[in-house]
Amino acid sequence: MGEANKKRQTDIPIGIDVDEVERIRASIEITRDQISHALNDVQDGVQESLDWKLWVKRHPKQAIGIALGIGFLLGKGR
């Protein structure tokens, strides 16, 4: 038995099922990994949605319309 296992078993109060504690720890680790992956996906999605060059590539007609509208509004003030 390794030193880490001895430490873990001594941290567990008497009467608690060691196997159950290990299953819970494993479940927590899996959940932690899933949350980390989900957070990375959200960050990628936000970064992609804020990338104006990608938006223009995906929606060229809307981009031209917006540019024309802004140009009209800016030119009208003169």
Protein backbone atom coordinates (compact mmCIF):
# COMPACT_ATOMS: atom_id res chain seq x y z
CA MET A 1 0.00 0.00 0.00
CA GLY A 2 1.38 3.40 -1.02
CA GLU A 3 1.93 6.37 1.25
CA ALA A 4 -0.95 8.28 -0.38
CA ASN A 5 -3.40 5.44 0.36
CA LYS A 6 -2.29 5.31 4.01
CA LYS A 7 -2.83 9.06 4.28
CA ARG A 8 -6.28 8.84 2.69
CA GLN A 9 -7.40 6.01 4.96
CA THR A 10 -6.28 7.86 8.07
CA ASP A 11 -8.28 10.94 6.99
CA ILE A 12 -11.51 8.92 6.91
CA PRO A 13 -13.45 8.74 10.20
CA ILE A 14 -14.14 5.32 11.71
CA GLY A 15 -17.32 3.73 10.40
CA ILE A 16 -17.15 5.32 6.95
CA ASP A 17 -16.88 2.98 3.96
CA VAL A 18 -13.45 3.56 2.38
CA ASP A 19 -14.62 2.26 -1.01
CA GLU A 20 -17.54 4.67 -0.99
CA VAL A 21 -15.22 7.56 -0.20
CA GLU A 22 -12.97 6.57 -3.12
CA ARG A 23 -15.99 6.37 -5.46
CA ILE A 24 -17.06 9.82 -4.35
CA ARG A 25 -13.55 11.19 -4.88
CA ALA A 26 -13.43 9.65 -8.35
CA SER A 27 -16.85 11.12 -9.15
CA ILE A 28 -15.69 14.56 -8.00
CA GLU A 29 -12.61 14.30 -10.21
CA ILE A 30 -14.72 13.32 -13.24
CA THR A 31 -17.13 16.19 -12.57
CA ARG A 32 -14.22 18.60 -12.20
CA ASP A 33 -12.88 17.52 -15.61
CA GLN A 34 -16.32 17.89 -17.20
CA ILE A 35 -16.71 21.39 -15.79
CA SER A 36 -13.25 22.32 -17.06
CA HIS A 37 -14.11 21.10 -20.57
CA ALA A 38 -17.46 22.91 -20.50
CA LEU A 39 -15.76 26.14 -19.42
CA ASN A 40 -13.27 25.82 -22.28
CA ASP A 41 -16.15 25.32 -24.72
CA VAL A 42 -17.90 28.43 -23.39
CA GLN A 43 -14.70 30.48 -23.64
CA ASP A 44 -14.19 29.30 -27.23
CA GLY A 45 -17.80 30.18 -28.09
CA VAL A 46 -17.54 33.66 -26.61
CA GLN A 47 -14.22 34.29 -28.33
CA GLU A 48 -15.70 33.11 -31.64
CA SER A 49 -18.81 35.26 -31.28
CA LEU A 50 -16.69 38.36 -30.63
CA ASP A 51 -14.47 37.76 -33.68
CA TRP A 52 -15.77 40.36 -36.14
CA LYS A 53 -13.80 38.94 -39.07
CA LEU A 54 -15.47 35.55 -38.64
CA TRP A 55 -18.86 37.24 -38.30
CA VAL A 56 -18.32 39.13 -41.58
CA LYS A 57 -17.31 35.89 -43.34
CA ARG A 58 -20.46 34.16 -42.09
CA HIS A 59 -22.82 37.11 -42.73
CA PRO A 60 -21.41 39.18 -45.60
CA LYS A 61 -24.72 40.75 -46.68
CA GLN A 62 -25.58 41.89 -43.17
CA ALA A 63 -22.06 43.29 -42.73
CA ILE A 64 -22.38 45.34 -45.91
CA GLY A 65 -25.79 46.61 -44.81
CA ILE A 66 -24.48 47.63 -41.42
CA ALA A 67 -21.46 49.35 -42.99
CA LEU A 68 -23.72 51.25 -45.40
CA GLY A 69 -26.03 52.28 -42.57
CA ILE A 70 -23.18 53.54 -40.42
CA GLY A 71 -21.69 55.38 -43.41
CA PHE A 72 -25.03 57.00 -44.16
CA LEU A 73 -25.47 58.13 -40.54
CA LEU A 74 -21.93 59.49 -40.33
CA GLY A 75 -22.19 61.22 -43.73
CA LYS A 76 -25.56 62.75 -42.94
CA GLY A 77 -24.08 64.82 -40.10
CA ARG A 78 -21.89 66.84 -42.48
